[in-house]
Amino acid sequence: MTSMQTPTHTLKWPNPHLDMAAFEAEGELMLLHLGPQHPSTHGVFRIDLYLDGEVIVKAVPFAGYLHRGVEKLMERLTYVQQTPIVDKHDYVAPMTSEQALNVAFEKLLGVEVPRRARWLRSLFAELQRIASHLLALGTLSIDLGGALGGGSTLFIHCFRERELIMDLFEEVTGARFHYNTHTIGGNRHDVTPEWAAHVRSAMKTILARLPEYDSMSIDNSIFIERTRGVGVLDGRLALELGVTGPNLRACGVDHDLRRDAPFHAYDEVPVNVIVEQGGDSLARVLVRVREVRESIRLVEVLLEGLPEGPICSYRPIKLVGQVKIASGQAYAAIETPRGELGTFVIAGGGEGNASPYRLKFRPPSLHSLSALPYLLPGATLSDAVTILGSLDPIMGEVDR
């Protein structure tokens, strides 16, 4: 095998545009298609890996197996009809997708959300964050496989506690997965004192069981060996690629929209931003594990200070074409469990201005996956699944 072509830049990370012609045709470089059938690639994501033995030389990711054309579909749906559609984007934290969409619509309409509704949105978002991070930790343990005895123990433990949160959402909305609970001007569903008591009980249970997760993951020597120094993401590169959320904070970059650009009730409830150094797979896990504890604290604070009052300031929706926006454009972004989820809307489309002219989403998972061509070269094949799992992508928002 001949030497790689010299990168055109002076940065330290690998060149993702490596020319395969730089290698001898008779060499032992092998092309391996990882996914989309592989369970760790979520069944809809493929990475072409060029291997020199067990070492990855080049990685080429391919989205496109879950294309739903949602952004184009939004031009044909009314503003009223769009909220349940985005539930399928980040299907692990669907309420946050609803929030990002409706905040953009509220900006265009000039609608002010009632204080109780803003607090409820933050409360639901933190519960979604806990459930999402539990799923991320559990599925990563499965990705590590035999190194953790199959990883099934930690996976089942995480699902056990995640079910408690799903029960809470079902009690409020009647659904366990796709909620359609947020609307223009606030929320559709209010909470009761009995529900608040159930939340406190669930948070107490989860907090008491977090040491079990630590013992099986960040305190487990095998887990540490499989993740420490694996898939190191440089902070400068992360910023260039638009990586946000836990994956950015794991690189030592102190950035969180809940604190830096407060939305909902975060201007009243301070957030302790979790930051780790190293930028490797272990650091990304540490951020999420510690964010679970912070989110439990925030849930308790939000429950304690939940104000009284209405939960929606917009007039009741009776017709699907009732909301009309003649002109204007707006961008709204919130901090989801995966980072900055943005919605850019240009109004003035559809019949009677009841639909947007254009609508564009800024999904954090897409930006995280854009780091794979830089993270995988130099790693071994067994580490590829670890790196992908540590990024915690949700394919529904990647290939929307």
Protein backbone atom coordinates (compact mmCIF):
# COMPACT_ATOMS: atom_id res chain seq x y z
CA MET A 1 0.00 0.00 0.00
CA THR A 2 1.39 3.40 -0.92
CA SER A 3 1.19 6.39 1.36
CA MET A 4 -1.95 8.49 1.59
CA GLN A 5 -2.24 11.68 -0.37
CA THR A 6 -1.15 14.74 1.56
CA PRO A 7 -4.17 16.62 2.91
CA THR A 8 -4.75 20.07 1.49
CA HIS A 9 -5.27 21.52 4.98
CA THR A 10 -2.99 21.71 8.00
CA LEU A 11 -5.48 20.49 10.57
CA LYS A 12 -4.76 17.42 12.67
CA TRP A 13 -7.85 15.39 11.92
CA PRO A 14 -8.00 12.86 9.03
CA ASN A 15 -8.82 13.96 5.51
CA PRO A 16 -12.36 12.68 4.73
CA HIS A 17 -11.80 13.27 1.00
CA LEU A 18 -8.98 10.77 0.77
CA ASP A 19 -8.46 9.57 -2.81
CA MET A 20 -8.61 5.79 -2.96
CA ALA A 21 -6.44 5.88 -6.06
CA ALA A 22 -3.56 6.59 -3.71
CA PHE A 23 -3.63 2.92 -2.76
CA GLU A 24 -2.27 0.08 -4.85
CA ALA A 25 -4.96 -1.81 -6.71
CA GLU A 26 -3.31 -5.09 -5.73
CA GLY A 27 -3.20 -4.16 -2.06
CA GLU A 28 -5.43 -5.65 0.60
CA LEU A 29 -7.70 -2.65 1.01
CA MET A 30 -11.24 -3.93 1.44
CA LEU A 31 -14.57 -2.15 1.04
CA LEU A 32 -17.10 -3.10 3.69
CA HIS A 33 -20.72 -1.93 3.70
CA LEU A 34 -21.70 -1.44 7.36
CA GLY A 35 -25.50 -1.19 7.36
CA PRO A 36 -28.23 -0.49 6.63
CA GLN A 37 -29.23 -3.97 7.82
CA HIS A 38 -26.81 -3.92 10.74
CA PRO A 39 -28.76 -3.37 14.00
CA SER A 40 -26.34 -0.73 15.26
CA THR A 41 -26.95 1.43 12.18
CA HIS A 42 -30.65 1.69 13.07
CA GLY A 43 -31.66 -0.30 10.01
CA VAL A 44 -31.65 2.77 7.77
CA PHE A 45 -28.07 4.08 7.77
CA ARG A 46 -25.08 2.82 5.79
CA ILE A 47 -21.37 3.54 6.06
CA ASP A 48 -18.89 2.39 3.44
CA LEU A 49 -15.68 1.50 5.25
CA TYR A 50 -12.37 1.13 3.44
CA LEU A 51 -10.29 -1.23 5.57
CA ASP A 52 -6.59 -1.94 5.74
CA GLY A 53 -6.89 -5.12 7.73
CA GLU A 54 -8.95 -4.14 10.77
CA VAL A 55 -8.07 -0.45 10.54
CA ILE A 56 -10.46 1.99 8.86
CA VAL A 57 -8.76 4.11 6.22
CA LYS A 58 -11.78 6.01 4.93
CA ALA A 59 -15.45 6.21 5.89
CA VAL A 60 -18.26 7.35 3.60
CA PRO A 61 -21.69 7.65 5.29
CA PHE A 62 -24.92 7.36 3.31
CA ALA A 63 -28.29 8.59 4.50
CA GLY A 64 -31.30 8.12 2.26
CA TYR A 65 -32.98 4.95 3.50
CA LEU A 66 -35.66 6.71 5.52
CA HIS A 67 -36.49 9.62 3.25
CA ARG A 68 -39.97 10.95 3.97
CA GLY A 69 -39.81 14.30 2.16
CA VAL A 70 -41.31 16.01 5.19
CA GLU A 71 -40.01 19.49 4.42
CA LYS A 72 -41.74 19.36 1.03
CA LEU A 73 -44.82 17.81 2.60
CA MET A 74 -45.09 20.79 4.94
CA GLU A 75 -45.80 23.03 1.96
CA ARG A 76 -49.02 21.06 1.40
CA LEU A 77 -50.10 20.71 5.03
CA THR A 78 -51.64 23.54 7.01
CA TYR A 79 -49.97 24.93 10.12
CA VAL A 80 -52.53 23.11 12.24
CA GLN A 81 -51.75 19.72 10.64
CA GLN A 82 -47.98 19.83 11.03
CA THR A 83 -47.40 19.18 14.73
CA PRO A 84 -48.20 15.44 14.68
CA ILE A 85 -45.98 15.02 11.61
CA VAL A 86 -42.80 16.16 13.38
CA ASP A 87 -43.42 13.67 16.18
CA LYS A 88 -41.83 11.15 13.82
CA HIS A 89 -38.56 13.12 13.43
CA ASP A 90 -36.83 12.67 16.75
CA TYR A 91 -39.05 9.79 17.74
CA VAL A 92 -37.13 9.33 21.00
CA ALA A 93 -37.96 12.87 22.18
CA PRO A 94 -40.93 13.83 19.98
CA MET A 95 -42.21 16.59 22.26
CA THR A 96 -39.07 18.62 21.59
CA SER A 97 -39.72 18.42 17.84
CA GLU A 98 -43.23 19.74 18.45
CA GLN A 99 -41.85 22.58 20.54
CA ALA A 100 -39.28 23.72 17.96
CA LEU A 101 -41.96 23.81 15.26
CA ASN A 102 -44.58 25.71 17.23
CA VAL A 103 -42.12 28.23 18.63
CA ALA A 104 -41.32 29.22 15.03
CA PHE A 105 -45.01 29.57 14.21
CA GLU A 106 -45.54 31.65 17.35
CA LYS A 107 -42.75 33.99 16.28
CA LEU A 108 -44.45 34.58 12.95
CA LEU A 109 -47.82 35.16 14.56
CA GLY A 110 -46.52 37.25 17.44
CA VAL A 111 -48.23 34.96 19.92
CA GLU A 112 -47.10 35.07 23.54
CA VAL A 113 -47.23 31.73 25.33
CA PRO A 114 -48.72 31.78 28.88
CA ARG A 115 -46.25 31.36 31.71
CA ARG A 116 -47.75 28.05 32.86
CA ALA A 117 -47.46 26.66 29.33
CA ARG A 118 -43.81 27.72 29.11
CA TRP A 119 -43.06 25.93 32.37
CA LEU A 120 -44.93 22.85 31.19
CA ARG A 121 -42.92 22.83 27.97
CA SER A 122 -39.66 22.93 29.93
CA LEU A 123 -40.92 20.21 32.27
CA PHE A 124 -41.88 17.93 29.39
CA ALA A 125 -38.56 18.66 27.64
CA GLU A 126 -36.53 17.62 30.68
CA LEU A 127 -38.53 14.42 31.07
CA GLN A 128 -37.88 13.72 27.39
CA ARG A 129 -34.17 14.36 27.95
CA ILE A 130 -34.03 11.79 30.74
CA ALA A 131 -35.86 9.18 28.65
CA SER A 132 -33.67 9.90 25.61
CA HIS A 133 -30.38 9.66 27.50
CA LEU A 134 -31.47 6.42 29.13
CA LEU A 135 -32.16 4.97 25.71
CA ALA A 136 -28.79 6.22 24.40
CA LEU A 137 -26.90 4.55 27.25
CA GLY A 138 -28.84 1.31 26.97
CA THR A 139 -28.45 0.93 23.21
CA LEU A 140 -24.74 1.79 23.40
CA SER A 141 -24.30 -1.10 25.82
CA ILE A 142 -25.89 -3.38 23.22
CA ASP A 143 -23.54 -1.95 20.57
CA LEU A 144 -20.55 -2.84 22.75
CA GLY A 145 -21.89 -6.39 22.76
CA GLY A 146 -19.88 -9.19 24.28
CA ALA A 147 -17.56 -6.79 26.08
CA LEU A 148 -20.35 -6.21 28.59
CA GLY A 149 -21.72 -9.72 28.63
CA GLY A 150 -23.94 -8.88 25.70
CA GLY A 151 -24.88 -5.53 27.16
CA SER A 152 -28.44 -6.68 27.70
CA THR A 153 -28.42 -6.10 31.48
CA LEU A 154 -27.73 -2.36 31.25
CA PHE A 155 -30.11 -2.11 28.30
CA ILE A 156 -32.98 -3.64 30.25
CA HIS A 157 -32.21 -1.51 33.29
CA CYS A 158 -32.39 1.66 31.18
CA PHE A 159 -35.65 0.59 29.56
CA ARG A 160 -37.11 -0.22 32.97
CA GLU A 161 -36.73 3.41 34.08
CA ARG A 162 -37.63 4.83 30.68
CA GLU A 163 -40.98 3.07 30.97
CA LEU A 164 -41.73 5.10 34.09
CA ILE A 165 -41.48 8.28 32.04
CA MET A 166 -43.54 6.80 29.22
CA ASP A 167 -46.23 6.07 31.80
CA LEU A 168 -46.19 9.72 32.85
CA PHE A 169 -46.64 10.94 29.29
CA GLU A 170 -49.43 8.45 28.68
CA GLU A 171 -51.22 9.74 31.77
CA VAL A 172 -51.13 13.30 30.39
CA THR A 173 -51.66 12.81 26.66
CA GLY A 174 -53.10 9.32 26.27
CA ALA A 175 -50.13 8.30 24.10
CA ARG A 176 -46.80 6.69 24.87
CA PHE A 177 -44.83 7.69 21.81
CA HIS A 178 -46.34 10.31 19.49
CA TYR A 179 -48.06 12.87 21.68
CA ASN A 180 -49.33 15.82 19.60
CA THR A 181 -49.50 17.77 22.86
CA HIS A 182 -47.96 21.13 21.91
CA THR A 183 -49.85 23.62 19.80
CA ILE A 184 -49.60 27.23 18.67
CA GLY A 185 -49.83 29.39 21.78
CA GLY A 186 -49.17 26.70 24.36
CA ASN A 187 -50.23 23.13 25.11
CA ARG A 188 -53.22 20.90 24.53
CA HIS A 189 -52.97 19.01 27.82
CA ASP A 190 -52.67 20.27 31.38
CA VAL A 191 -51.34 18.36 34.37
CA THR A 192 -52.92 17.53 37.72
CA PRO A 193 -51.55 17.43 41.28
CA GLU A 194 -51.87 13.64 41.14
CA TRP A 195 -49.67 13.56 38.03
CA ALA A 196 -47.10 15.77 39.74
CA ALA A 197 -46.96 13.29 42.61
CA HIS A 198 -46.37 10.46 40.14
CA VAL A 199 -43.52 12.46 38.55
CA ARG A 200 -41.84 12.99 41.92
CA SER A 201 -42.11 9.28 42.67
CA ALA A 202 -40.61 8.36 39.29
CA MET A 203 -37.74 10.83 39.68
CA LYS A 204 -36.98 9.45 43.14
CA THR A 205 -36.86 5.92 41.75
CA ILE A 206 -34.64 6.83 38.79
CA LEU A 207 -32.24 8.87 40.93
CA ALA A 208 -31.85 5.97 43.37
CA ARG A 209 -31.03 3.58 40.53
CA LEU A 210 -28.49 5.74 38.71
CA PRO A 211 -25.59 4.19 40.68
CA GLU A 212 -26.52 0.88 39.03
CA TYR A 213 -25.95 2.47 35.63
CA ASP A 214 -22.62 3.91 36.77
CA SER A 215 -21.40 0.54 37.99
CA MET A 216 -22.20 -1.08 34.64
CA SER A 217 -20.88 1.75 32.44
CA ILE A 218 -18.65 4.65 33.49
CA ASP A 219 -17.30 2.70 36.49
CA ASN A 220 -16.85 -0.51 34.50
CA SER A 221 -13.25 -1.14 33.41
CA ILE A 222 -14.28 -2.95 30.22
CA PHE A 223 -16.71 -0.17 29.26
CA ILE A 224 -13.97 2.40 29.85
CA GLU A 225 -11.44 0.49 27.75
CA ARG A 226 -13.90 0.29 24.86
CA THR A 227 -14.75 3.99 24.91
CA ARG A 228 -11.79 5.98 26.28
CA GLY A 229 -9.75 7.55 23.47
CA VAL A 230 -12.11 6.08 20.85
CA GLY A 231 -13.60 8.47 18.29
CA VAL A 232 -11.95 11.65 19.53
CA LEU A 233 -13.72 14.74 18.18
CA ASP A 234 -11.76 17.98 18.26
CA GLY A 235 -13.71 20.98 19.58
CA ARG A 236 -12.72 23.18 16.64
CA LEU A 237 -13.83 20.57 14.15
CA ALA A 238 -17.11 20.08 16.02
CA LEU A 239 -17.82 23.79 15.74
CA GLU A 240 -16.95 23.81 12.03
CA LEU A 241 -19.35 20.93 11.40
CA GLY A 242 -22.15 22.50 13.41
CA VAL A 243 -22.14 19.75 16.04
CA THR A 244 -24.17 20.76 19.10
CA GLY A 245 -25.60 19.26 22.26
CA PRO A 246 -23.86 16.60 24.36
CA ASN A 247 -21.46 15.74 21.50
CA LEU A 248 -20.17 19.33 21.48
CA ARG A 249 -20.04 19.69 25.25
CA ALA A 250 -18.03 16.45 25.42
CA CYS A 251 -15.33 18.30 23.45
CA GLY A 252 -14.97 20.88 26.19
CA VAL A 253 -17.13 23.50 24.44
CA ASP A 254 -19.42 25.12 27.01
CA HIS A 255 -22.57 25.74 24.96
CA ASP A 256 -26.21 25.04 25.76
CA LEU A 257 -29.15 26.95 24.33
CA ARG A 258 -31.10 26.52 27.55
CA ARG A 259 -28.61 28.89 29.17
CA ASP A 260 -27.13 30.83 26.24
CA ALA A 261 -30.40 31.56 24.38
CA PRO A 262 -33.13 30.78 26.93
CA PHE A 263 -36.50 29.60 25.71
CA HIS A 264 -39.64 28.34 27.49
CA ALA A 265 -38.97 28.76 31.23
CA TYR A 266 -35.19 28.52 31.15
CA ASP A 267 -34.84 32.26 31.69
CA GLU A 268 -36.37 31.66 35.12
CA VAL A 269 -34.86 28.27 35.95
CA PRO A 270 -31.04 28.25 35.69
CA VAL A 271 -29.41 25.23 34.06
CA ASN A 272 -26.09 23.76 35.16
CA VAL A 273 -24.42 22.94 31.85
CA ILE A 274 -22.48 19.67 31.87
CA VAL A 275 -19.13 19.86 30.07
CA GLU A 276 -16.48 17.15 29.69
CA GLN A 277 -13.00 17.14 28.19
CA GLY A 278 -11.47 14.70 25.72
CA GLY A 279 -14.12 14.57 23.00
CA ASP A 280 -14.04 10.76 22.92
CA SER A 281 -16.83 8.22 23.21
CA LEU A 282 -16.43 8.04 26.99
CA ALA A 283 -16.78 11.81 27.34
CA ARG A 284 -20.00 11.75 25.33
CA VAL A 285 -21.40 9.08 27.64
CA LEU A 286 -20.32 11.00 30.74
CA VAL A 287 -22.14 14.13 29.56
CA ARG A 288 -25.40 12.25 29.07
CA VAL A 289 -25.17 10.31 32.32
CA ARG A 290 -24.57 13.50 34.29
CA GLU A 291 -27.24 15.39 32.37
CA VAL A 292 -29.78 12.84 33.60
CA ARG A 293 -29.04 13.92 37.17
CA GLU A 294 -29.29 17.59 36.19
CA SER A 295 -32.59 16.99 34.39
CA ILE A 296 -34.01 15.26 37.46
CA ARG A 297 -33.10 18.36 39.47
CA LEU A 298 -34.75 20.61 36.88
CA VAL A 299 -37.91 18.49 36.86
CA GLU A 300 -38.21 18.87 40.63
CA VAL A 301 -37.65 22.65 40.43
CA LEU A 302 -40.18 23.04 37.62
CA LEU A 303 -42.78 21.00 39.47
CA GLU A 304 -42.26 23.00 42.65
CA GLY A 305 -42.61 26.36 40.92
CA LEU A 306 -45.21 25.48 38.29
CA PRO A 307 -47.43 28.58 38.08
CA GLU A 308 -51.20 28.63 37.82
CA GLY A 309 -53.03 30.01 34.82
CA PRO A 310 -54.06 29.14 31.26
CA ILE A 311 -52.06 26.70 29.14
CA CYS A 312 -52.80 28.28 25.74
CA SER A 313 -53.18 31.88 24.58
CA TYR A 314 -54.32 31.19 21.01
CA ARG A 315 -57.95 30.82 20.01
CA PRO A 316 -59.33 27.27 19.98
CA ILE A 317 -58.58 25.36 16.78
CA LYS A 318 -61.74 24.15 15.06
CA LEU A 319 -60.65 23.96 11.39
CA VAL A 320 -57.40 22.69 9.88
CA GLY A 321 -57.05 25.86 7.80
CA GLN A 322 -57.82 28.23 10.62
CA VAL A 323 -54.24 29.52 11.17
CA LYS A 324 -53.12 31.83 8.34
CA ILE A 325 -49.85 33.75 8.01
CA ALA A 326 -49.62 36.06 5.01
CA SER A 327 -45.91 36.89 5.04
CA GLY A 328 -42.74 36.82 7.09
CA GLN A 329 -40.01 34.42 8.04
CA ALA A 330 -38.71 33.14 11.35
CA TYR A 331 -36.09 30.81 12.80
CA ALA A 332 -36.56 29.18 16.18
CA ALA A 333 -34.12 26.84 17.89
CA ILE A 334 -34.30 24.86 21.11
CA GLU A 335 -31.91 22.51 22.92
CA THR A 336 -33.04 18.92 22.49
CA PRO A 337 -31.30 15.81 23.89
CA ARG A 338 -29.23 15.79 20.68
CA GLY A 339 -28.46 19.50 20.41
CA GLU A 340 -29.80 22.50 18.53
CA LEU A 341 -33.01 21.67 16.70
CA GLY A 342 -34.03 24.58 14.52
CA THR A 343 -37.08 25.38 12.41
CA PHE A 344 -36.89 27.96 9.64
CA VAL A 345 -40.25 29.01 8.21
CA ILE A 346 -41.13 31.28 5.30
CA ALA A 347 -44.83 32.12 5.37
CA GLY A 348 -47.17 32.96 2.51
CA GLY A 349 -47.80 29.60 0.88
CA GLY A 350 -50.72 27.28 0.31
CA GLU A 351 -54.31 28.20 -0.32
CA GLY A 352 -55.25 31.23 1.74
CA ASN A 353 -51.79 31.38 3.40
CA ALA A 354 -52.73 28.43 5.62
CA SER A 355 -49.46 26.63 4.78
CA PRO A 356 -45.82 27.79 4.78
CA TYR A 357 -44.14 28.69 1.51
CA ARG A 358 -41.00 26.89 2.67
CA LEU A 359 -40.04 25.07 5.85
CA LYS A 360 -36.57 23.83 6.73
CA PHE A 361 -35.39 21.87 9.76
CA ARG A 362 -31.93 21.99 11.29
CA PRO A 363 -31.54 18.51 12.82
CA PRO A 364 -28.66 18.05 15.29
CA SER A 365 -28.24 14.36 14.46
CA LEU A 366 -27.34 15.19 10.85
CA HIS A 367 -24.51 17.44 11.97
CA SER A 368 -23.27 14.83 14.43
CA LEU A 369 -23.12 12.17 11.72
CA SER A 370 -21.15 14.56 9.51
CA ALA A 371 -18.25 13.98 11.91
CA LEU A 372 -18.02 10.26 11.07
CA PRO A 373 -15.63 10.69 8.09
CA TYR A 374 -13.23 12.37 10.54
CA LEU A 375 -13.76 10.11 13.55
CA LEU A 376 -13.59 6.67 11.94
CA PRO A 377 -10.27 6.74 10.00
CA GLY A 378 -7.56 5.24 12.19
CA ALA A 379 -10.06 3.35 14.34
CA THR A 380 -10.63 -0.37 14.13
CA LEU A 381 -13.74 -1.97 12.73
CA SER A 382 -14.91 -2.98 16.20
CA ASP A 383 -14.71 0.66 17.28
CA ALA A 384 -16.91 1.92 14.42
CA VAL A 385 -20.10 0.76 16.11
CA THR A 386 -18.97 2.26 19.42
CA ILE A 387 -18.31 5.64 17.83
CA LEU A 388 -21.64 5.67 16.00
CA GLY A 389 -23.56 4.71 19.13
CA SER A 390 -21.80 7.35 21.23
CA LEU A 391 -23.02 10.08 18.86
CA ASP A 392 -26.63 9.08 19.63
CA PRO A 393 -28.15 9.89 16.22
CA ILE A 394 -31.87 9.55 15.52
CA MET A 395 -32.37 8.75 11.86
CA GLY A 396 -35.89 10.15 11.68
CA GLU A 397 -34.49 13.68 11.91
CA VAL A 398 -31.40 12.91 9.82
CA ASP A 399 -33.20 11.78 6.71
CA ARG A 400 -36.48 13.59 7.04
